N, C-alpha and C. Protein backbone atom coordinates (compact mmCIF):
# COMPACT_ATOMS: atom_id res chain seq x y z
N MET A 1 -32.33 17.70 28.30
CA MET A 1 -32.46 16.95 27.36
C MET A 1 -32.90 15.61 27.40
N ALA A 2 -33.70 15.03 26.80
CA ALA A 2 -33.91 13.71 26.85
C ALA A 2 -32.72 12.67 26.18
N ASN A 3 -32.73 11.47 26.72
CA ASN A 3 -31.81 10.78 25.72
C ASN A 3 -32.19 10.58 24.26
N GLU A 4 -31.32 10.67 23.26
CA GLU A 4 -31.66 10.43 21.97
C GLU A 4 -30.62 9.55 21.71
N ILE A 5 -30.76 8.14 21.42
CA ILE A 5 -29.82 7.26 21.25
C ILE A 5 -29.95 6.89 19.43
N ASN A 6 -28.47 7.17 18.94
CA ASN A 6 -28.55 6.97 17.41
C ASN A 6 -27.16 6.12 17.26
N TYR A 7 -26.87 5.83 16.12
CA TYR A 7 -25.91 5.05 15.66
C TYR A 7 -25.13 5.63 14.40
N ARG A 8 -24.22 5.61 13.94
CA ARG A 8 -23.42 5.80 12.84
C ARG A 8 -22.14 5.24 12.85
N ARG A 9 -21.67 5.15 11.37
CA ARG A 9 -20.24 4.79 11.12
C ARG A 9 -19.14 5.73 11.62
N LEU A 10 -18.23 5.24 12.18
CA LEU A 10 -17.16 6.18 12.58
C LEU A 10 -16.06 6.16 11.85
N GLN A 11 -15.42 7.41 11.51
CA GLN A 11 -14.27 7.69 10.45
C GLN A 11 -13.28 7.32 11.26
N LYS A 12 -11.87 7.11 10.46
CA LYS A 12 -10.65 6.96 11.03
C LYS A 12 -10.23 8.18 11.93
N ASP A 13 -10.48 9.31 11.43
CA ASP A 13 -10.00 10.43 12.19
C ASP A 13 -11.14 10.72 13.57
N GLU A 14 -11.79 9.74 13.80
CA GLU A 14 -12.38 9.62 15.02
C GLU A 14 -11.74 8.80 16.16
N LEU A 15 -10.42 8.05 15.90
CA LEU A 15 -9.85 7.26 16.76
C LEU A 15 -9.77 7.78 18.12
N PRO A 16 -9.29 9.15 18.08
CA PRO A 16 -9.23 9.58 19.59
C PRO A 16 -10.46 9.32 20.60
N GLN A 17 -11.62 9.09 19.86
CA GLN A 17 -12.73 9.20 20.54
C GLN A 17 -12.99 7.72 21.00
N ILE A 18 -12.61 6.67 20.00
CA ILE A 18 -12.56 5.22 19.87
C ILE A 18 -11.91 4.74 20.96
N ILE A 19 -10.56 5.14 20.98
CA ILE A 19 -9.51 4.34 21.92
C ILE A 19 -9.93 4.50 23.58
N PRO A 20 -10.38 5.50 24.03
CA PRO A 20 -11.04 5.55 25.46
C PRO A 20 -12.00 4.36 25.92
N LEU A 21 -12.89 4.21 24.91
CA LEU A 21 -14.00 3.01 24.92
C LEU A 21 -13.42 1.87 24.75
N MET A 22 -12.26 1.73 23.66
CA MET A 22 -11.74 0.36 23.76
C MET A 22 -10.87 0.04 25.32
N GLN A 23 -10.27 0.97 25.61
CA GLN A 23 -9.46 1.04 26.97
C GLN A 23 -10.41 0.35 28.06
N LYS A 24 -11.57 0.80 28.08
CA LYS A 24 -12.57 0.14 29.09
C LYS A 24 -12.95 -1.24 28.71
N PHE A 25 -13.14 -1.40 27.40
CA PHE A 25 -13.50 -2.90 26.93
C PHE A 25 -12.32 -3.78 27.42
N THR A 26 -11.07 -3.31 27.29
CA THR A 26 -9.97 -4.42 27.37
C THR A 26 -9.43 -4.18 28.57
N ASP A 27 -9.91 -3.38 29.67
CA ASP A 27 -9.42 -3.20 31.06
C ASP A 27 -7.98 -2.70 30.61
N ASN A 28 -7.67 -1.64 29.88
CA ASN A 28 -6.33 -1.01 29.69
C ASN A 28 -5.03 -2.04 29.40
N LYS A 29 -5.52 -2.97 28.63
CA LYS A 29 -4.43 -4.20 28.45
C LYS A 29 -3.62 -3.77 27.42
N HIS A 30 -3.98 -2.90 26.51
CA HIS A 30 -2.58 -2.29 25.74
C HIS A 30 -2.75 -1.03 25.76
N SER A 31 -1.75 -0.39 25.32
CA SER A 31 -1.41 1.11 25.33
C SER A 31 -2.20 1.70 24.06
N ASP A 32 -2.57 2.92 24.53
CA ASP A 32 -3.11 3.83 23.52
C ASP A 32 -2.66 3.99 22.24
N ALA A 33 -1.09 3.67 22.06
CA ALA A 33 -0.32 3.76 20.99
C ALA A 33 -0.75 2.69 20.20
N LEU A 34 -0.58 1.31 20.84
CA LEU A 34 -0.69 0.25 20.06
C LEU A 34 -2.33 -0.01 19.43
N LEU A 35 -3.33 0.36 20.42
CA LEU A 35 -4.39 0.44 19.83
C LEU A 35 -4.89 1.35 18.70
N PHE A 36 -4.29 2.41 18.81
CA PHE A 36 -4.23 3.45 17.49
C PHE A 36 -3.67 2.89 16.37
N GLU A 37 -2.41 2.17 16.59
CA GLU A 37 -1.66 1.69 15.47
C GLU A 37 -2.56 0.57 14.62
N ARG A 38 -3.25 -0.22 15.61
CA ARG A 38 -4.04 -1.41 14.99
C ARG A 38 -5.34 -1.08 14.70
N PHE A 39 -5.97 -0.19 15.22
CA PHE A 39 -7.21 0.30 14.59
C PHE A 39 -6.98 1.24 13.22
N SER A 40 -5.92 1.87 12.86
CA SER A 40 -5.70 2.44 12.06
C SER A 40 -5.44 1.59 10.64
N GLU A 41 -4.74 0.35 11.03
CA GLU A 41 -4.61 -0.87 9.95
C GLU A 41 -5.98 -1.21 9.82
N MET A 42 -6.90 -1.60 10.81
CA MET A 42 -8.31 -2.22 10.58
C MET A 42 -9.02 -1.46 9.83
N PHE A 43 -9.11 0.09 9.69
CA PHE A 43 -9.72 0.88 8.95
C PHE A 43 -9.39 0.88 7.52
N GLU A 44 -8.39 -0.01 7.33
CA GLU A 44 -7.86 0.00 5.77
C GLU A 44 -8.36 -1.43 5.39
N GLN A 45 -9.03 -2.17 6.11
CA GLN A 45 -9.30 -3.63 5.60
C GLN A 45 -10.78 -3.36 5.47
N ASN A 46 -11.76 -4.50 5.46
CA ASN A 46 -13.13 -4.88 5.45
C ASN A 46 -13.64 -4.47 6.58
N TYR A 47 -13.42 -3.67 7.42
CA TYR A 47 -13.91 -3.18 8.97
C TYR A 47 -14.57 -1.86 8.88
N GLU A 48 -15.64 -1.86 9.77
CA GLU A 48 -16.36 -0.65 10.04
C GLU A 48 -16.42 -0.38 11.35
N CYS A 49 -16.20 0.79 12.05
CA CYS A 49 -16.53 0.80 13.42
C CYS A 49 -17.70 1.62 13.52
N ILE A 50 -18.61 1.24 14.45
CA ILE A 50 -19.87 1.67 14.47
C ILE A 50 -19.98 2.33 16.01
N GLY A 51 -20.59 3.74 16.08
CA GLY A 51 -20.78 4.38 17.22
C GLY A 51 -22.18 4.29 17.72
N VAL A 52 -22.25 4.19 18.97
CA VAL A 52 -23.67 4.38 19.56
C VAL A 52 -23.51 5.77 20.37
N PHE A 53 -24.62 6.66 20.06
CA PHE A 53 -24.41 8.09 20.83
C PHE A 53 -25.74 8.27 21.64
N ASN A 54 -25.56 8.97 22.66
CA ASN A 54 -26.83 9.50 23.39
C ASN A 54 -26.54 11.06 23.12
N ASN A 55 -27.39 11.30 22.54
CA ASN A 55 -27.36 12.72 21.89
C ASN A 55 -26.22 12.95 21.31
N GLN A 56 -25.11 13.72 21.44
CA GLN A 56 -23.73 13.65 20.91
C GLN A 56 -22.65 13.01 21.38
N GLU A 57 -22.93 12.32 22.56
CA GLU A 57 -21.91 11.64 23.46
C GLU A 57 -21.88 10.12 23.03
N LEU A 58 -20.56 9.64 22.59
CA LEU A 58 -20.16 8.32 22.21
C LEU A 58 -20.36 7.65 23.57
N ILE A 59 -21.42 6.55 23.47
CA ILE A 59 -21.57 5.85 24.63
C ILE A 59 -21.12 4.33 24.34
N GLY A 60 -20.98 3.87 23.16
CA GLY A 60 -20.68 2.56 22.94
C GLY A 60 -19.94 2.38 21.44
N ILE A 61 -19.65 1.22 21.18
CA ILE A 61 -18.92 0.99 19.91
C ILE A 61 -18.97 -0.38 19.41
N CYS A 62 -18.83 -0.83 18.51
CA CYS A 62 -18.47 -2.15 17.73
C CYS A 62 -18.07 -2.12 16.59
N GLY A 63 -17.27 -3.34 16.26
CA GLY A 63 -16.68 -3.31 14.94
C GLY A 63 -17.48 -4.25 13.97
N LEU A 64 -17.34 -4.18 12.84
CA LEU A 64 -18.04 -4.88 12.04
C LEU A 64 -17.04 -5.42 10.76
N TRP A 65 -16.83 -6.65 10.70
CA TRP A 65 -16.11 -7.17 9.63
C TRP A 65 -16.95 -7.74 8.52
N PHE A 66 -16.82 -7.57 7.32
CA PHE A 66 -17.52 -7.84 6.23
C PHE A 66 -16.76 -8.96 5.32
N CYS A 67 -17.36 -10.07 5.31
CA CYS A 67 -16.60 -11.26 4.15
C CYS A 67 -17.77 -12.12 3.81
N THR A 68 -17.45 -13.24 2.97
CA THR A 68 -18.11 -14.08 2.43
C THR A 68 -17.37 -15.59 3.05
N ARG A 69 -18.46 -16.30 3.67
CA ARG A 69 -17.69 -17.59 4.25
C ARG A 69 -18.63 -18.57 3.74
N HIS A 70 -17.68 -19.88 3.67
CA HIS A 70 -18.24 -21.12 2.82
C HIS A 70 -19.55 -21.62 3.67
N TYR A 71 -19.62 -21.45 5.00
CA TYR A 71 -20.76 -21.93 5.77
C TYR A 71 -21.75 -21.04 5.73
N SER A 72 -21.67 -19.73 5.72
CA SER A 72 -22.77 -18.91 5.99
C SER A 72 -23.05 -17.82 4.98
N GLY A 73 -22.34 -17.86 3.83
CA GLY A 73 -22.43 -16.81 2.89
C GLY A 73 -21.88 -15.71 3.18
N ARG A 74 -22.64 -14.55 2.57
CA ARG A 74 -22.19 -13.02 2.94
C ARG A 74 -22.46 -12.74 4.31
N SER A 75 -21.37 -12.42 5.22
CA SER A 75 -21.87 -12.27 6.73
C SER A 75 -21.04 -11.16 7.35
N VAL A 76 -21.39 -10.73 8.28
CA VAL A 76 -20.71 -9.84 8.92
C VAL A 76 -20.25 -10.30 10.62
N GLU A 77 -19.13 -9.95 10.74
CA GLU A 77 -18.91 -10.56 12.22
C GLU A 77 -18.78 -9.43 13.04
N VAL A 78 -19.65 -9.29 14.19
CA VAL A 78 -19.53 -8.34 14.99
C VAL A 78 -18.46 -8.37 15.97
N ASP A 79 -17.85 -7.30 16.38
CA ASP A 79 -16.32 -7.52 17.01
C ASP A 79 -16.54 -6.61 18.03
N HIS A 80 -16.01 -6.76 19.23
CA HIS A 80 -15.66 -5.94 20.40
C HIS A 80 -16.91 -4.83 20.69
N VAL A 81 -18.21 -5.45 21.06
CA VAL A 81 -19.35 -4.70 21.35
C VAL A 81 -18.99 -4.26 22.71
N TYR A 82 -19.21 -2.94 22.99
CA TYR A 82 -18.99 -2.17 24.20
C TYR A 82 -20.09 -1.26 24.52
N ILE A 83 -20.81 -1.07 25.25
CA ILE A 83 -21.60 -0.08 25.79
C ILE A 83 -21.33 0.26 27.17
N ASP A 84 -21.03 1.66 27.29
CA ASP A 84 -20.67 2.25 28.75
C ASP A 84 -21.64 1.55 29.49
N ALA A 85 -20.92 1.32 30.91
CA ALA A 85 -21.51 0.89 32.21
C ALA A 85 -22.97 1.52 32.57
N ASP A 86 -22.85 2.88 32.41
CA ASP A 86 -23.95 3.89 32.88
C ASP A 86 -25.13 3.53 31.81
N TYR A 87 -25.00 2.79 30.94
CA TYR A 87 -26.09 2.78 29.71
C TYR A 87 -26.33 1.34 29.77
N ARG A 88 -25.99 0.68 30.21
CA ARG A 88 -26.47 -0.96 30.31
C ARG A 88 -27.70 -1.36 30.70
N SER A 89 -28.12 -2.31 30.45
CA SER A 89 -29.58 -2.71 31.04
C SER A 89 -30.59 -1.85 30.80
N LYS A 90 -30.64 -1.10 29.62
CA LYS A 90 -31.53 -0.12 29.45
C LYS A 90 -32.21 -0.48 27.95
N GLY A 91 -31.85 -1.43 27.39
CA GLY A 91 -32.25 -1.97 26.09
C GLY A 91 -31.58 -1.25 25.00
N ILE A 92 -30.54 -0.61 25.03
CA ILE A 92 -29.70 -0.19 24.23
C ILE A 92 -29.14 -1.27 23.40
N GLY A 93 -28.58 -2.32 23.84
CA GLY A 93 -28.02 -3.32 23.31
C GLY A 93 -28.96 -3.97 22.18
N LYS A 94 -30.08 -4.18 22.64
CA LYS A 94 -30.96 -4.87 21.88
C LYS A 94 -31.30 -3.88 20.51
N GLN A 95 -31.52 -2.55 20.88
CA GLN A 95 -31.70 -1.75 20.08
C GLN A 95 -30.45 -1.52 18.78
N PHE A 96 -29.18 -1.52 19.29
CA PHE A 96 -28.23 -1.62 18.40
C PHE A 96 -28.08 -2.80 17.79
N PHE A 97 -28.39 -4.15 18.13
CA PHE A 97 -28.26 -5.19 17.18
C PHE A 97 -29.44 -5.06 16.15
N LYS A 98 -30.45 -4.62 16.59
CA LYS A 98 -31.53 -4.42 15.62
C LYS A 98 -30.90 -3.38 14.33
N TRP A 99 -30.18 -2.37 14.69
CA TRP A 99 -29.58 -1.57 13.77
C TRP A 99 -28.42 -2.30 12.89
N ILE A 100 -27.71 -3.07 13.64
CA ILE A 100 -26.79 -3.79 12.97
C ILE A 100 -27.49 -4.91 11.95
N TYR A 101 -28.52 -5.53 12.19
CA TYR A 101 -29.05 -6.48 11.42
C TYR A 101 -29.62 -5.50 10.30
N ASP A 102 -30.19 -4.52 10.39
CA ASP A 102 -30.73 -3.95 9.25
C ASP A 102 -29.71 -3.12 8.44
N TYR A 103 -28.58 -2.73 8.95
CA TYR A 103 -27.58 -2.19 8.17
C TYR A 103 -26.83 -3.28 7.24
N ALA A 104 -26.60 -4.52 7.73
CA ALA A 104 -25.99 -5.65 7.26
C ALA A 104 -27.03 -6.24 5.94
N LYS A 105 -28.39 -6.10 6.26
CA LYS A 105 -29.08 -6.44 5.11
C LYS A 105 -29.26 -5.45 4.07
N GLY A 106 -29.36 -4.46 4.58
CA GLY A 106 -29.23 -3.31 3.66
C GLY A 106 -27.96 -3.13 2.49
N LYS A 107 -26.98 -3.59 2.98
CA LYS A 107 -25.45 -3.81 2.24
C LYS A 107 -25.64 -5.23 1.49
N GLY A 108 -26.52 -6.00 1.69
CA GLY A 108 -26.56 -7.51 1.00
C GLY A 108 -26.15 -8.71 1.87
N TYR A 109 -26.02 -8.51 3.15
CA TYR A 109 -25.45 -9.59 3.74
C TYR A 109 -26.44 -10.41 4.38
N GLU A 110 -26.24 -11.69 4.76
CA GLU A 110 -27.30 -12.53 5.04
C GLU A 110 -27.10 -13.32 6.24
N ALA A 111 -25.98 -13.17 7.02
CA ALA A 111 -25.75 -13.51 8.49
C ALA A 111 -24.86 -12.66 9.22
N VAL A 112 -25.16 -13.04 10.61
CA VAL A 112 -24.14 -12.07 11.63
C VAL A 112 -23.81 -13.21 12.41
N GLU A 113 -22.33 -12.86 12.66
CA GLU A 113 -21.83 -13.98 13.65
C GLU A 113 -20.71 -13.11 14.44
N LEU A 114 -20.29 -13.54 15.43
CA LEU A 114 -19.56 -13.29 16.60
C LEU A 114 -18.96 -13.85 17.34
N ASN A 115 -17.84 -13.64 18.18
CA ASN A 115 -17.25 -14.37 19.30
C ASN A 115 -17.49 -13.59 20.45
N THR A 116 -17.35 -14.36 21.66
CA THR A 116 -17.58 -13.71 22.97
C THR A 116 -16.75 -14.52 24.02
N TYR A 117 -16.23 -13.86 24.96
CA TYR A 117 -15.26 -14.58 25.71
C TYR A 117 -15.92 -15.60 26.64
N VAL A 118 -15.17 -16.61 27.02
CA VAL A 118 -15.86 -17.80 27.82
C VAL A 118 -16.43 -17.29 29.01
N GLN A 119 -15.76 -16.44 30.03
CA GLN A 119 -16.09 -16.06 30.96
C GLN A 119 -17.15 -14.76 30.95
N ASN A 120 -17.53 -14.30 29.79
CA ASN A 120 -18.60 -13.01 29.86
C ASN A 120 -19.92 -13.71 29.83
N PHE A 121 -20.40 -14.30 30.91
CA PHE A 121 -21.70 -14.93 30.87
C PHE A 121 -22.88 -13.91 30.56
N PRO A 122 -23.10 -12.53 31.06
CA PRO A 122 -24.07 -11.74 30.60
C PRO A 122 -24.15 -11.55 29.06
N SER A 123 -22.95 -11.65 28.38
CA SER A 123 -22.98 -11.53 26.77
C SER A 123 -23.72 -12.88 26.30
N HIS A 124 -23.39 -14.14 26.88
CA HIS A 124 -23.95 -15.35 26.41
C HIS A 124 -25.50 -15.25 26.50
N LYS A 125 -25.96 -14.77 27.79
CA LYS A 125 -27.40 -14.86 27.85
C LYS A 125 -28.02 -13.56 26.67
N PHE A 126 -27.16 -12.48 26.49
CA PHE A 126 -28.04 -11.60 25.56
C PHE A 126 -27.94 -12.21 24.14
N TYR A 127 -26.74 -12.91 23.74
CA TYR A 127 -26.67 -13.45 22.39
C TYR A 127 -27.72 -14.56 21.96
N TYR A 128 -27.88 -15.61 23.30
CA TYR A 128 -28.93 -16.45 23.10
C TYR A 128 -30.17 -15.99 22.78
N ASN A 129 -30.57 -14.83 23.64
CA ASN A 129 -31.84 -14.21 23.48
C ASN A 129 -32.18 -13.33 22.20
N GLU A 130 -30.96 -12.93 21.54
CA GLU A 130 -31.02 -12.55 20.15
C GLU A 130 -31.19 -13.76 18.99
N GLY A 131 -30.91 -14.71 19.41
CA GLY A 131 -31.23 -16.04 18.56
C GLY A 131 -29.91 -16.47 17.87
N PHE A 132 -28.82 -16.18 18.53
CA PHE A 132 -27.44 -16.85 17.95
C PHE A 132 -27.41 -18.11 18.65
N ASN A 133 -26.84 -18.96 17.86
CA ASN A 133 -26.14 -20.35 18.17
C ASN A 133 -24.83 -20.51 18.55
N ILE A 134 -24.46 -21.34 19.31
CA ILE A 134 -23.07 -21.60 19.30
C ILE A 134 -22.57 -22.66 18.33
N LEU A 135 -21.46 -22.39 17.52
CA LEU A 135 -21.25 -23.49 16.41
C LEU A 135 -19.92 -23.88 16.75
N GLY A 136 -19.31 -23.52 17.73
CA GLY A 136 -17.78 -24.03 17.87
C GLY A 136 -16.93 -23.11 18.97
N TYR A 137 -15.70 -23.44 18.75
CA TYR A 137 -14.80 -22.68 19.85
C TYR A 137 -13.94 -21.84 18.97
N HIS A 138 -13.45 -20.52 19.64
CA HIS A 138 -12.41 -19.75 18.73
C HIS A 138 -11.22 -20.14 19.33
N PHE A 139 -10.24 -20.28 18.60
CA PHE A 139 -8.75 -20.56 19.09
C PHE A 139 -7.88 -19.38 18.62
N LEU A 140 -6.58 -19.07 19.68
CA LEU A 140 -5.85 -18.25 19.18
C LEU A 140 -4.33 -18.67 19.68
N LYS A 141 -3.48 -18.54 18.56
CA LYS A 141 -2.16 -18.93 18.92
C LYS A 141 -1.54 -17.56 18.33
N LYS A 142 -0.72 -17.03 19.29
CA LYS A 142 0.41 -16.00 18.83
C LYS A 142 1.64 -16.61 18.41
N ILE A 143 2.14 -16.27 17.13
CA ILE A 143 3.35 -16.58 16.41
C ILE A 143 4.38 -15.72 16.35
């Protein structure tokens, strides 16, 4: 069967499929139980998890946070973008972002923003090629 890439919003009851991809994304930094707890809470907020499928196999995910910001208006923040290693460099990321842009516009949003780790150079190149501009630094302090 040929590859048939498609995208759809994942539901909270699909967390058992989401967690293994997040473990790959985070290099198993957190326990399955902690990720399950956090994602369960995220699903109750302005968050949607989008899945990338090859036929029926979940091969990628990303989160979308919907909000209004004073500097960008109605925007969606793309979070934790992950495509399984076997499917990278095949144009799927570009197709996925096209889908995200269309999805966000269809919901009445006018901007897309994201954060990426400083050392993740391949993502920087990808986002530059997608037309993103660097506006600042993202800081985090645990309290």
